[in-house]
Amino acid sequence: MTASQISMEGESGLGTEMELQRRLSLATATDTVRGLSFHNLLDAVRMELGDEAMARCQAQCVEASFKSFFTYPVSDYLRLQYTAAWMLQEKYGSFDNAIRRMSSGLAPGFLSSVVGKAFMLLTKEGPRQLINNMPVAFRAAASFGELSVHWTGSRRGILVTRRDFLLYLSHEGGLVGLFRTLGITTAEVRGRQVGPLDNEVEFSWD
């Protein structure tokens, strides 16, 4: 492979209004994400489709603006993400690809933040050390769920999330963005949903 790739085996079927409503029905008032995630998503929409499209997406949220390190309901984030992906699916061929595309920019956005720059110091020991600290990054970004990393080899492993409102497609895109930021061009990722809010994403690099 000459670039980070995602192994795709058909559409996930997650891009429906019914699936969005199912996830929203499981969210509580304590399930939140940082404003930084909203910023990155809205920036992606603005770059791809312009200010008018960004405003249409932002209209899905209760808040008119977001502060990076404040927390906001994951329900708003899901509405925003789904709306953005539906708007971008024609450009990228599918809802799944739109989610991956947007999420691939979230890792660079996070790594350029104050917290992300601290994480980048870990790259001196290689990508494995950085990936090992992804559970900490996940907890910094979201109040819900659990993320763990299980290594199956020196350069391959499985990212596991439980009670995670984010789509596995988001984690696929995020890992691709992470590998790209680290200059790794031989990575491959492949995810799947294994429970109502549970995901597993295999990753490897040469």
C-alpha atoms as a PDB file:
ATOM      1  CA  MET A   1       0.000   0.000   0.000  1.00  0.00           C
ATOM      2  CA  THR A   2       1.197   3.504  -0.721  1.00  0.00           C
ATOM      3  CA  ALA A   3      -1.189   5.293   1.651  1.00  0.00           C
ATOM      4  CA  SER A   4      -3.305   4.634   4.731  1.00  0.00           C
ATOM      5  CA  GLN A   5      -6.298   2.557   3.678  1.00  0.00           C
ATOM      6  CA  ILE A   6      -9.648   1.472   5.057  1.00  0.00           C
ATOM      7  CA  SER A   7     -10.870  -2.028   4.264  1.00  0.00           C
ATOM      8  CA  MET A   8     -14.506  -1.741   3.232  1.00  0.00           C
ATOM      9  CA  GLU A   9     -16.962  -4.606   2.930  1.00  0.00           C
ATOM     10  CA  GLY A  10     -20.149  -2.883   1.773  1.00  0.00           C
ATOM     11  CA  GLU A  11     -22.085  -0.111   3.448  1.00  0.00           C
ATOM     12  CA  SER A  12     -22.560  -0.162   7.219  1.00  0.00           C
ATOM     13  CA  GLY A  13     -26.276   0.700   7.097  1.00  0.00           C
ATOM     14  CA  LEU A  14     -25.709   3.216   9.912  1.00  0.00           C
ATOM     15  CA  GLY A  15     -26.592   6.310   7.902  1.00  0.00           C
ATOM     16  CA  THR A  16     -30.354   6.243   8.418  1.00  0.00           C
ATOM     17  CA  GLU A  17     -32.684   8.514  10.368  1.00  0.00           C
ATOM     18  CA  MET A  18     -33.794   5.435  12.305  1.00  0.00           C
ATOM     19  CA  GLU A  19     -30.240   4.704  13.417  1.00  0.00           C
ATOM     20  CA  LEU A  20     -29.721   8.302  14.485  1.00  0.00           C
ATOM     21  CA  GLN A  21     -32.917   8.223  16.537  1.00  0.00           C
ATOM     22  CA  ARG A  22     -31.877   4.910  18.114  1.00  0.00           C
ATOM     23  CA  ARG A  23     -28.606   6.423  19.311  1.00  0.00           C
ATOM     24  CA  LEU A  24     -30.316   9.583  20.528  1.00  0.00           C
ATOM     25  CA  SER A  25     -32.775   7.497  22.555  1.00  0.00           C
ATOM     26  CA  LEU A  26     -29.867   5.915  24.448  1.00  0.00           C
ATOM     27  CA  ALA A  27     -28.141   9.189  25.320  1.00  0.00           C
ATOM     28  CA  THR A  28     -28.529  10.818  28.739  1.00  0.00           C
ATOM     29  CA  ALA A  29     -27.860  14.350  29.952  1.00  0.00           C
ATOM     30  CA  THR A  30     -24.466  13.251  31.302  1.00  0.00           C
ATOM     31  CA  ASP A  31     -23.235  11.987  27.904  1.00  0.00           C
ATOM     32  CA  THR A  32     -21.149  14.843  26.538  1.00  0.00           C
ATOM     33  CA  VAL A  33     -18.264  15.689  24.205  1.00  0.00           C
ATOM     34  CA  ARG A  34     -15.851  18.608  24.191  1.00  0.00           C
ATOM     35  CA  GLY A  35     -16.497  21.667  22.085  1.00  0.00           C
ATOM     36  CA  LEU A  36     -13.286  20.973  20.182  1.00  0.00           C
ATOM     37  CA  SER A  37     -15.010  18.075  18.429  1.00  0.00           C
ATOM     38  CA  PHE A  38     -17.821  20.392  17.303  1.00  0.00           C
ATOM     39  CA  HIS A  39     -15.284  22.918  16.020  1.00  0.00           C
ATOM     40  CA  ASN A  40     -13.418  20.314  13.979  1.00  0.00           C
ATOM     41  CA  LEU A  41     -16.613  18.945  12.456  1.00  0.00           C
ATOM     42  CA  LEU A  42     -17.977  22.367  11.550  1.00  0.00           C
ATOM     43  CA  ASP A  43     -14.625  23.390  10.090  1.00  0.00           C
ATOM     44  CA  ALA A  44     -14.679  20.283   7.897  1.00  0.00           C
ATOM     45  CA  VAL A  45     -18.141  21.178   6.580  1.00  0.00           C
ATOM     46  CA  ARG A  46     -17.125  24.773   5.911  1.00  0.00           C
ATOM     47  CA  MET A  47     -14.038  23.692   3.989  1.00  0.00           C
ATOM     48  CA  GLU A  48     -15.999  21.160   1.944  1.00  0.00           C
ATOM     49  CA  LEU A  49     -19.299  22.976   1.339  1.00  0.00           C
ATOM     50  CA  GLY A  50     -18.974  26.578   2.518  1.00  0.00           C
ATOM     51  CA  ASP A  51     -20.382  28.825   5.225  1.00  0.00           C
ATOM     52  CA  GLU A  52     -24.051  28.317   4.335  1.00  0.00           C
ATOM     53  CA  ALA A  53     -23.771  24.552   4.739  1.00  0.00           C
ATOM     54  CA  MET A  54     -21.944  24.995   8.022  1.00  0.00           C
ATOM     55  CA  ALA A  55     -24.743  27.243   9.296  1.00  0.00           C
ATOM     56  CA  ARG A  56     -27.346  24.627   8.313  1.00  0.00           C
ATOM     57  CA  CYS A  57     -25.450  22.008  10.302  1.00  0.00           C
ATOM     58  CA  GLN A  58     -25.011  24.260  13.300  1.00  0.00           C
ATOM     59  CA  ALA A  59     -28.766  24.886  13.323  1.00  0.00           C
ATOM     60  CA  GLN A  60     -29.138  21.265  14.478  1.00  0.00           C
ATOM     61  CA  CYS A  61     -27.538  22.198  17.808  1.00  0.00           C
ATOM     62  CA  VAL A  62     -29.020  23.955  20.818  1.00  0.00           C
ATOM     63  CA  GLU A  63     -25.880  26.032  21.310  1.00  0.00           C
ATOM     64  CA  ALA A  64     -25.043  28.833  18.904  1.00  0.00           C
ATOM     65  CA  SER A  65     -21.296  28.499  19.516  1.00  0.00           C
ATOM     66  CA  PHE A  66     -18.875  26.158  21.245  1.00  0.00           C
ATOM     67  CA  LYS A  67     -15.878  26.645  23.492  1.00  0.00           C
ATOM     68  CA  SER A  68     -13.180  24.049  22.907  1.00  0.00           C
ATOM     69  CA  PHE A  69     -12.866  22.679  26.438  1.00  0.00           C
ATOM     70  CA  PHE A  70     -16.472  23.066  27.525  1.00  0.00           C
ATOM     71  CA  THR A  71     -18.734  20.025  27.284  1.00  0.00           C
ATOM     72  CA  TYR A  72     -21.913  19.741  25.216  1.00  0.00           C
ATOM     73  CA  PRO A  73     -24.556  17.004  24.746  1.00  0.00           C
ATOM     74  CA  VAL A  74     -23.505  14.118  22.551  1.00  0.00           C
ATOM     75  CA  SER A  75     -27.043  14.214  21.130  1.00  0.00           C
ATOM     76  CA  ASP A  76     -26.207  17.573  19.537  1.00  0.00           C
ATOM     77  CA  TYR A  77     -22.969  16.175  18.183  1.00  0.00           C
ATOM     78  CA  LEU A  78     -24.750  13.198  16.631  1.00  0.00           C
ATOM     79  CA  ARG A  79     -27.348  15.425  14.957  1.00  0.00           C
ATOM     80  CA  LEU A  80     -24.567  17.630  13.644  1.00  0.00           C
ATOM     81  CA  GLN A  81     -22.480  14.714  12.400  1.00  0.00           C
ATOM     82  CA  TYR A  82     -25.364  12.956  10.677  1.00  0.00           C
ATOM     83  CA  THR A  83     -26.571  16.166   9.021  1.00  0.00           C
ATOM     84  CA  ALA A  84     -23.066  16.913   7.771  1.00  0.00           C
ATOM     85  CA  ALA A  85     -22.582  13.375   6.451  1.00  0.00           C
ATOM     86  CA  TRP A  86     -25.929  13.420   4.637  1.00  0.00           C
ATOM     87  CA  MET A  87     -24.895  16.669   2.983  1.00  0.00           C
ATOM     88  CA  LEU A  88     -21.500  15.274   1.988  1.00  0.00           C
ATOM     89  CA  GLN A  89     -22.519  11.767   0.959  1.00  0.00           C
ATOM     90  CA  GLU A  90     -23.054  12.701  -2.679  1.00  0.00           C
ATOM     91  CA  LYS A  91     -19.581  14.205  -2.883  1.00  0.00           C
ATOM     92  CA  TYR A  92     -17.879  11.197  -1.301  1.00  0.00           C
ATOM     93  CA  GLY A  93     -20.090   8.454  -2.639  1.00  0.00           C
ATOM     94  CA  SER A  94     -21.754   7.342   0.578  1.00  0.00           C
ATOM     95  CA  PHE A  95     -22.657   8.256   4.142  1.00  0.00           C
ATOM     96  CA  ASP A  96     -19.884   5.953   5.400  1.00  0.00           C
ATOM     97  CA  ASN A  97     -17.212   7.657   3.324  1.00  0.00           C
ATOM     98  CA  ALA A  98     -18.423  11.085   4.405  1.00  0.00           C
ATOM     99  CA  ILE A  99     -18.101  10.136   8.090  1.00  0.00           C
ATOM    100  CA  ARG A 100     -14.626   8.714   7.511  1.00  0.00           C
ATOM    101  CA  ARG A 101     -13.559  11.776   5.567  1.00  0.00           C
ATOM    102  CA  MET A 102     -14.703  14.201   8.241  1.00  0.00           C
ATOM    103  CA  SER A 103     -13.275  12.100  11.065  1.00  0.00           C
ATOM    104  CA  SER A 104      -9.890  11.803   9.402  1.00  0.00           C
ATOM    105  CA  GLY A 105      -9.473  15.503  10.122  1.00  0.00           C
ATOM    106  CA  LEU A 106     -10.363  15.206  13.813  1.00  0.00           C
ATOM    107  CA  ALA A 107      -7.071  13.617  14.849  1.00  0.00           C
ATOM    108  CA  PRO A 108      -4.937  16.386  13.317  1.00  0.00           C
ATOM    109  CA  GLY A 109      -7.287  18.926  14.886  1.00  0.00           C
ATOM    110  CA  PHE A 110      -6.920  17.313  18.292  1.00  0.00           C
ATOM    111  CA  LEU A 111      -3.156  16.929  17.938  1.00  0.00           C
ATOM    112  CA  SER A 112      -2.794  20.629  17.180  1.00  0.00           C
ATOM    113  CA  SER A 113      -4.608  21.550  20.408  1.00  0.00           C
ATOM    114  CA  VAL A 114      -2.848  22.163  23.726  1.00  0.00           C
ATOM    115  CA  VAL A 115      -3.644  18.659  24.965  1.00  0.00           C
ATOM    116  CA  GLY A 116      -2.809  17.160  21.579  1.00  0.00           C
ATOM    117  CA  LYS A 117       0.608  18.787  21.501  1.00  0.00           C
ATOM    118  CA  ALA A 118       1.393  17.112  24.811  1.00  0.00           C
ATOM    119  CA  PHE A 119       0.401  13.786  23.274  1.00  0.00           C
ATOM    120  CA  MET A 120       2.629  14.437  20.277  1.00  0.00           C
ATOM    121  CA  LEU A 121       5.627  14.348  22.600  1.00  0.00           C
ATOM    122  CA  LEU A 122       4.952  10.619  22.885  1.00  0.00           C
ATOM    123  CA  THR A 123       5.691  10.081  19.194  1.00  0.00           C
ATOM    124  CA  LYS A 124       9.395  10.164  19.981  1.00  0.00           C
ATOM    125  CA  GLU A 125       8.853   6.596  21.177  1.00  0.00           C
ATOM    126  CA  GLY A 126       6.911   5.669  18.044  1.00  0.00           C
ATOM    127  CA  PRO A 127       3.193   5.377  17.164  1.00  0.00           C
ATOM    128  CA  ARG A 128       2.650   2.478  19.542  1.00  0.00           C
ATOM    129  CA  GLN A 129       3.168   4.691  22.582  1.00  0.00           C
ATOM    130  CA  LEU A 130       0.771   7.287  21.203  1.00  0.00           C
ATOM    131  CA  ILE A 131      -1.872   4.659  20.428  1.00  0.00           C
ATOM    132  CA  ASN A 132      -1.466   3.261  23.948  1.00  0.00           C
ATOM    133  CA  ASN A 133      -2.540   6.654  25.252  1.00  0.00           C
ATOM    134  CA  MET A 134      -5.681   6.857  23.122  1.00  0.00           C
ATOM    135  CA  PRO A 135      -7.881   5.819  26.098  1.00  0.00           C
ATOM    136  CA  VAL A 136      -6.699   8.963  27.883  1.00  0.00           C
ATOM    137  CA  ALA A 137      -7.437  11.093  24.817  1.00  0.00           C
ATOM    138  CA  PHE A 138     -10.887   9.517  24.512  1.00  0.00           C
ATOM    139  CA  ARG A 139     -11.683  10.285  28.127  1.00  0.00           C
ATOM    140  CA  ALA A 140     -10.506  13.875  27.647  1.00  0.00           C
ATOM    141  CA  ALA A 141     -12.839  14.269  24.661  1.00  0.00           C
ATOM    142  CA  ALA A 142     -15.975  12.464  25.912  1.00  0.00           C
ATOM    143  CA  SER A 143     -17.706  11.673  29.192  1.00  0.00           C
ATOM    144  CA  PHE A 144     -19.253   8.415  28.001  1.00  0.00           C
ATOM    145  CA  GLY A 145     -17.996   4.949  27.226  1.00  0.00           C
ATOM    146  CA  GLU A 146     -14.684   3.192  27.482  1.00  0.00           C
ATOM    147  CA  LEU A 147     -11.876   2.785  24.968  1.00  0.00           C
ATOM    148  CA  SER A 148      -9.112   0.214  25.175  1.00  0.00           C
ATOM    149  CA  VAL A 149      -6.319  -0.966  22.916  1.00  0.00           C
ATOM    150  CA  HIS A 150      -5.408  -4.637  22.537  1.00  0.00           C
ATOM    151  CA  TRP A 151      -2.194  -5.448  20.700  1.00  0.00           C
ATOM    152  CA  THR A 152      -2.097  -8.547  18.511  1.00  0.00           C
ATOM    153  CA  GLY A 153       1.415  -7.900  17.199  1.00  0.00           C
ATOM    154  CA  SER A 154       4.178  -5.322  17.306  1.00  0.00           C
ATOM    155  CA  ARG A 155       2.436  -3.184  14.676  1.00  0.00           C
ATOM    156  CA  ARG A 156      -1.156  -4.353  14.778  1.00  0.00           C
ATOM    157  CA  GLY A 157      -3.967  -4.262  17.265  1.00  0.00           C
ATOM    158  CA  ILE A 158      -7.651  -3.700  17.950  1.00  0.00           C
ATOM    159  CA  LEU A 159      -9.266  -0.524  19.204  1.00  0.00           C
ATOM    160  CA  VAL A 160     -12.266  -1.498  21.346  1.00  0.00           C
ATOM    161  CA  THR A 161     -14.984   0.865  22.512  1.00  0.00           C
ATOM    162  CA  ARG A 162     -17.944   0.133  24.767  1.00  0.00           C
ATOM    163  CA  ARG A 163     -21.070   2.275  25.255  1.00  0.00           C
ATOM    164  CA  ASP A 164     -19.677   4.562  22.616  1.00  0.00           C
ATOM    165  CA  PHE A 165     -22.087   6.855  20.772  1.00  0.00           C
ATOM    166  CA  LEU A 166     -19.543   7.469  18.017  1.00  0.00           C
ATOM    167  CA  LEU A 167     -19.780   5.314  14.904  1.00  0.00           C
ATOM    168  CA  TYR A 168     -16.992   2.842  14.218  1.00  0.00           C
ATOM    169  CA  LEU A 169     -16.642   4.769  10.965  1.00  0.00           C
ATOM    170  CA  SER A 170     -15.530   7.751  13.032  1.00  0.00           C
ATOM    171  CA  HIS A 171     -12.793   5.691  14.648  1.00  0.00           C
ATOM    172  CA  GLU A 172     -11.695   4.352  11.275  1.00  0.00           C
ATOM    173  CA  GLY A 173     -11.333   7.872   9.942  1.00  0.00           C
ATOM    174  CA  GLY A 174      -9.688   9.070  13.129  1.00  0.00           C
ATOM    175  CA  LEU A 175      -7.036   6.362  12.986  1.00  0.00           C
ATOM    176  CA  VAL A 176      -6.316   7.097   9.334  1.00  0.00           C
ATOM    177  CA  GLY A 177      -5.919  10.767  10.227  1.00  0.00           C
ATOM    178  CA  LEU A 178      -3.637   9.875  13.109  1.00  0.00           C
ATOM    179  CA  PHE A 179      -1.400   7.678  10.968  1.00  0.00           C
ATOM    180  CA  ARG A 180      -1.295  10.343   8.280  1.00  0.00           C
ATOM    181  CA  THR A 181      -0.273  12.987  10.825  1.00  0.00           C
ATOM    182  CA  LEU A 182       2.517  10.722  12.023  1.00  0.00           C
ATOM    183  CA  GLY A 183       3.741  10.226   8.453  1.00  0.00           C
ATOM    184  CA  ILE A 184       2.807   6.525   8.343  1.00  0.00           C
ATOM    185  CA  THR A 185       1.724   5.672   4.800  1.00  0.00           C
ATOM    186  CA  THR A 186       1.395   1.897   5.145  1.00  0.00           C
ATOM    187  CA  ALA A 187      -1.475   1.683   7.633  1.00  0.00           C
ATOM    188  CA  GLU A 188      -4.726  -0.218   7.231  1.00  0.00           C
ATOM    189  CA  VAL A 189      -7.837  -0.025   9.412  1.00  0.00           C
ATOM    190  CA  ARG A 190     -11.084  -1.997   9.420  1.00  0.00           C
ATOM    191  CA  GLY A 191     -13.938  -1.529  11.881  1.00  0.00           C
ATOM    192  CA  ARG A 192     -17.258  -3.075  12.778  1.00  0.00           C
ATOM    193  CA  GLN A 193     -20.101  -2.590  15.230  1.00  0.00           C
ATOM    194  CA  VAL A 194     -20.337  -5.495  17.665  1.00  0.00           C
ATOM    195  CA  GLY A 195     -23.093  -4.275  19.992  1.00  0.00           C
ATOM    196  CA  PRO A 196     -25.723  -1.532  20.303  1.00  0.00           C
ATOM    197  CA  LEU A 197     -23.011   1.004  21.206  1.00  0.00           C
ATOM    198  CA  ASP A 198     -19.900  -1.172  20.952  1.00  0.00           C
ATOM    199  CA  ASN A 199     -17.199  -1.080  18.285  1.00  0.00           C
ATOM    200  CA  GLU A 200     -14.002  -2.845  17.315  1.00  0.00           C
ATOM    201  CA  VAL A 201     -11.485  -1.420  14.852  1.00  0.00           C
ATOM    202  CA  GLU A 202      -8.502  -3.436  13.692  1.00  0.00           C
ATOM    203  CA  PHE A 203      -5.414  -1.487  12.671  1.00  0.00           C
ATOM    204  CA  SER A 204      -1.952  -2.299  11.390  1.00  0.00           C
ATOM    205  CA  TRP A 205       1.026  -0.728   9.672  1.00  0.00           C
ATOM    206  CA  ASP A 206       4.216  -1.989   8.046  1.00  0.00           C
END
